[in-house]
Amino acid sequence: MAKLKFTLTADPSNAPAMARYMKNKFMFLGVKSVARREQSKPLMQASRQLDSATLHNWIAELYVREPREYQYVALDLAERNVRKWQLADIVIFKQFVTQKSWWDSVDHWCTVFGKYIQLHPEEKQAVFQLFFGSSNMWERRIAITLQLKEKDAVDIDLLVQAILYDQYTAEFFIQKAIGWALRQYSKFNPSWVMQFLNAQQLSPLAVREASKYL
């Protein structure tokens, strides 16, 4: 199994501002997105030749490192190799959603899962059920936003299930997600979204976000 040999070159001058942006929840090296992607380019290229088990190990090893940028590299690896994954891999990746959780990592995992269901639409329900009704609000945020990239292929039943489950949840990140999901779908089915908003009692935040394109 190929051993992971990868370190980012830090720029400490960037670190304080990056940490503040994430509410000082994580330690940063100071490597911004463009620099991180440039530095990790050889790693991403090498990953194309790896088997799934090795990739899992690399992602897990990167994820436990303290600097936040290494979680971003792990996520980049998962997204870059999305065509290799099967449902069993998605089940394994689910564990990372609740590790070092904040909106940045959770929404990137949602991008990975969203790309997966685009490649495997027959498994959308199974992926949704991994997160729907969870006791963890970050997992439920994924259930709400899982279909953001589905355009007019959104499964309305799943969207409604996820929204109504958290209809009265006061958590900001949940209500923001409800509004985000509805706003995105309103680009393709504005009449349905308008009807849904009129029929349901949603939070002012969710309604405001959902109504931006209406």
Protein backbone atom coordinates (compact mmCIF):
# COMPACT_ATOMS: atom_id res chain seq x y z
CA MET A 1 0.00 0.00 0.00
CA ALA A 2 1.44 3.36 -1.04
CA LYS A 3 2.52 5.47 1.93
CA LEU A 4 1.31 9.03 2.18
CA LYS A 5 4.15 11.53 2.06
CA PHE A 6 2.67 14.98 1.93
CA THR A 7 3.10 18.23 3.80
CA LEU A 8 1.87 21.73 3.04
CA THR A 9 4.24 24.69 3.07
CA ALA A 10 2.83 27.13 5.59
CA ASP A 11 2.41 30.88 5.26
CA PRO A 12 1.93 31.96 8.89
CA SER A 13 1.04 35.52 7.87
CA ASN A 14 -2.31 34.22 6.55
CA ALA A 15 -3.11 31.98 9.50
CA PRO A 16 -4.72 34.44 11.98
CA ALA A 17 -7.25 35.77 9.48
CA MET A 18 -8.13 32.26 8.25
CA ALA A 19 -8.66 31.10 11.83
CA ARG A 20 -10.84 34.10 12.65
CA TYR A 21 -13.00 33.42 9.59
CA MET A 22 -13.70 29.98 11.05
CA LYS A 23 -14.47 31.46 14.49
CA ASN A 24 -11.08 30.27 15.79
CA LYS A 25 -12.36 26.70 15.92
CA PHE A 26 -9.31 25.32 14.09
CA MET A 27 -5.59 25.88 13.80
CA PHE A 28 -4.48 27.00 10.35
CA LEU A 29 -1.10 26.90 8.64
CA GLY A 30 -2.06 29.87 6.51
CA VAL A 31 -2.31 28.06 3.17
CA LYS A 32 -5.05 29.64 1.06
CA SER A 33 -7.15 27.65 -1.39
CA VAL A 34 -5.21 28.46 -4.56
CA ALA A 35 -1.87 27.67 -2.92
CA ARG A 36 -3.25 24.51 -1.32
CA ARG A 37 -4.52 23.19 -4.65
CA GLU A 38 -1.22 24.00 -6.32
CA GLN A 39 0.81 22.29 -3.61
CA SER A 40 -1.46 19.23 -3.59
CA LYS A 41 -1.59 18.86 -7.38
CA PRO A 42 1.01 16.02 -7.46
CA LEU A 43 -0.94 14.25 -4.70
CA MET A 44 -4.17 14.50 -6.66
CA GLN A 45 -2.48 13.21 -9.80
CA ALA A 46 -0.94 10.29 -7.92
CA SER A 47 -4.30 9.43 -6.38
CA ARG A 48 -5.71 8.49 -9.79
CA GLN A 49 -3.54 5.36 -9.78
CA LEU A 50 -4.48 4.25 -6.27
CA ASP A 51 -6.96 1.63 -5.17
CA SER A 52 -9.86 2.61 -2.93
CA ALA A 53 -8.36 1.12 0.23
CA THR A 54 -5.20 3.20 -0.08
CA LEU A 55 -7.23 6.31 -0.78
CA HIS A 56 -9.32 5.67 2.32
CA ASN A 57 -6.14 5.47 4.38
CA TRP A 58 -4.79 8.68 2.90
CA ILE A 59 -8.04 10.54 3.54
CA ALA A 60 -8.20 9.27 7.12
CA GLU A 61 -4.55 10.16 7.77
CA LEU A 62 -5.01 13.68 6.46
CA TYR A 63 -8.22 14.15 8.40
CA VAL A 64 -6.64 13.55 11.81
CA ARG A 65 -3.91 16.14 11.30
CA GLU A 66 -4.49 19.27 13.34
CA PRO A 67 -4.14 22.05 10.75
CA ARG A 68 -7.46 22.67 9.06
CA GLU A 69 -5.95 22.75 5.58
CA TYR A 70 -5.29 19.00 5.77
CA GLN A 71 -9.01 18.31 6.13
CA TYR A 72 -9.46 20.35 2.95
CA VAL A 73 -6.87 18.23 1.13
CA ALA A 74 -8.64 15.07 2.32
CA LEU A 75 -11.90 16.43 0.94
CA ASP A 76 -10.25 17.37 -2.35
CA LEU A 77 -9.04 13.76 -2.61
CA ALA A 78 -12.51 12.39 -1.95
CA GLU A 79 -14.05 14.69 -4.54
CA ARG A 80 -11.35 14.14 -7.16
CA ASN A 81 -11.86 10.38 -6.97
CA VAL A 82 -15.66 10.34 -6.76
CA ARG A 83 -15.92 8.08 -9.83
CA LYS A 84 -14.15 5.32 -7.90
CA TRP A 85 -16.60 5.24 -5.04
CA GLN A 86 -19.40 2.81 -4.34
CA LEU A 87 -22.12 3.08 -1.72
CA ALA A 88 -19.92 1.23 0.78
CA ASP A 89 -17.34 4.01 0.43
CA ILE A 90 -19.96 6.68 1.08
CA VAL A 91 -20.97 4.83 4.24
CA ILE A 92 -17.33 4.96 5.38
CA PHE A 93 -16.98 8.65 4.56
CA LYS A 94 -20.07 9.42 6.64
CA GLN A 95 -17.94 9.15 9.79
CA PHE A 96 -15.96 12.24 8.80
CA VAL A 97 -19.04 14.48 8.71
CA THR A 98 -19.16 14.49 12.51
CA GLN A 99 -15.40 14.83 12.96
CA LYS A 100 -14.06 18.40 13.27
CA SER A 101 -17.46 19.55 12.03
CA TRP A 102 -18.09 23.04 10.79
CA TRP A 103 -19.92 24.36 7.74
CA ASP A 104 -16.80 24.36 5.55
CA SER A 105 -16.06 20.64 5.88
CA VAL A 106 -19.69 19.54 6.07
CA ASP A 107 -20.67 21.38 2.90
CA HIS A 108 -17.66 19.98 1.05
CA TRP A 109 -18.65 16.46 2.09
CA CYS A 110 -22.12 17.26 0.81
CA THR A 111 -20.55 18.21 -2.54
CA VAL A 112 -18.83 14.81 -2.63
CA PHE A 113 -22.08 12.99 -1.85
CA GLY A 114 -24.00 15.16 -4.30
CA LYS A 115 -21.60 14.31 -7.10
CA TYR A 116 -21.90 10.65 -6.15
CA ILE A 117 -25.69 10.61 -6.51
CA GLN A 118 -25.37 12.34 -9.87
CA LEU A 119 -23.24 9.39 -10.99
CA HIS A 120 -25.52 6.85 -9.23
CA PRO A 121 -29.06 8.30 -9.24
CA GLU A 122 -30.50 4.91 -8.32
CA GLU A 123 -28.73 5.22 -4.95
CA LYS A 124 -29.99 8.70 -4.05
CA GLN A 125 -32.54 7.33 -1.59
CA ALA A 126 -29.92 5.16 0.13
CA VAL A 127 -27.49 8.07 0.50
CA PHE A 128 -30.27 10.33 1.78
CA GLN A 129 -31.23 7.78 4.43
CA LEU A 130 -27.65 7.81 5.78
CA PHE A 131 -28.27 11.35 7.01
CA PHE A 132 -32.01 11.92 7.32
CA GLY A 133 -33.32 11.96 10.88
CA SER A 134 -29.86 11.85 12.44
CA SER A 135 -29.36 13.11 15.98
CA ASN A 136 -26.45 15.14 14.59
CA MET A 137 -27.50 18.42 13.04
CA TRP A 138 -24.60 18.46 10.57
CA GLU A 139 -25.74 15.15 9.13
CA ARG A 140 -29.28 16.51 8.84
CA ARG A 141 -27.89 19.57 7.06
CA ILE A 142 -26.52 17.17 4.45
CA ALA A 143 -29.93 15.51 4.09
CA ILE A 144 -31.42 18.95 3.39
CA THR A 145 -28.73 20.10 0.92
CA LEU A 146 -27.85 16.77 -0.69
CA GLN A 147 -29.69 17.64 -3.91
CA LEU A 148 -28.34 21.15 -4.44
CA LYS A 149 -26.79 20.22 -7.80
CA GLU A 150 -29.71 18.10 -9.01
CA LYS A 151 -31.37 20.96 -10.92
CA ASP A 152 -34.74 19.69 -12.19
CA ALA A 153 -33.95 16.12 -11.09
CA VAL A 154 -34.64 16.94 -7.43
CA ASP A 155 -36.65 14.26 -5.66
CA ILE A 156 -39.29 16.52 -4.12
CA ASP A 157 -40.43 13.89 -1.62
CA LEU A 158 -36.92 13.64 -0.15
CA LEU A 159 -36.53 17.41 -0.07
CA VAL A 160 -39.85 17.85 1.74
CA GLN A 161 -39.03 15.08 4.22
CA ALA A 162 -35.73 16.71 5.14
CA ILE A 163 -37.21 20.20 5.46
CA LEU A 164 -40.25 19.22 7.50
CA TYR A 165 -38.17 17.13 9.89
CA ASP A 166 -36.31 20.32 10.89
CA GLN A 167 -39.09 22.81 10.21
CA TYR A 168 -39.05 24.12 13.78
CA THR A 169 -35.39 23.54 14.61
CA ALA A 170 -33.91 26.84 15.79
CA GLU A 171 -30.34 26.03 14.73
CA PHE A 172 -29.02 28.69 12.31
CA PHE A 173 -27.17 26.23 10.07
CA ILE A 174 -30.29 24.11 9.66
CA GLN A 175 -32.56 27.01 8.79
CA LYS A 176 -29.95 28.42 6.43
CA ALA A 177 -29.77 25.02 4.72
CA ILE A 178 -33.55 24.88 4.30
CA GLY A 179 -33.55 28.25 2.63
CA TRP A 180 -30.53 27.36 0.51
CA ALA A 181 -32.09 24.14 -0.77
CA LEU A 182 -35.37 25.86 -1.64
CA ARG A 183 -33.60 28.80 -3.26
CA GLN A 184 -31.58 26.49 -5.47
CA TYR A 185 -34.66 24.50 -6.51
CA SER A 186 -36.56 27.72 -7.22
CA LYS A 187 -34.27 28.22 -10.24
CA PHE A 188 -35.95 25.21 -11.86
CA ASN A 189 -39.40 25.04 -10.26
CA PRO A 190 -40.28 28.47 -8.86
CA SER A 191 -44.02 27.82 -8.76
CA TRP A 192 -43.58 24.75 -6.55
CA VAL A 193 -41.26 26.61 -4.17
CA MET A 194 -43.67 29.53 -3.93
CA GLN A 195 -46.54 27.14 -3.23
CA PHE A 196 -44.48 25.33 -0.59
CA LEU A 197 -43.55 28.59 1.15
CA ASN A 198 -47.21 29.62 1.23
CA ALA A 199 -48.30 26.24 2.59
CA GLN A 200 -45.69 25.80 5.33
CA GLN A 201 -44.74 27.80 8.39
CA LEU A 202 -41.00 28.27 7.93
CA SER A 203 -38.59 30.48 9.85
CA PRO A 204 -38.02 34.04 8.62
CA LEU A 205 -34.42 33.10 7.81
CA ALA A 206 -35.46 30.11 5.68
CA VAL A 207 -38.13 32.13 3.88
CA ARG A 208 -35.75 35.02 3.21
CA GLU A 209 -33.12 32.70 1.77
CA ALA A 210 -35.64 30.68 -0.23
CA SER A 211 -37.23 33.76 -1.77
CA LYS A 212 -34.13 35.41 -3.25
CA TYR A 213 -34.88 34.34 -6.84
CA LEU A 214 -38.67 34.46 -6.63
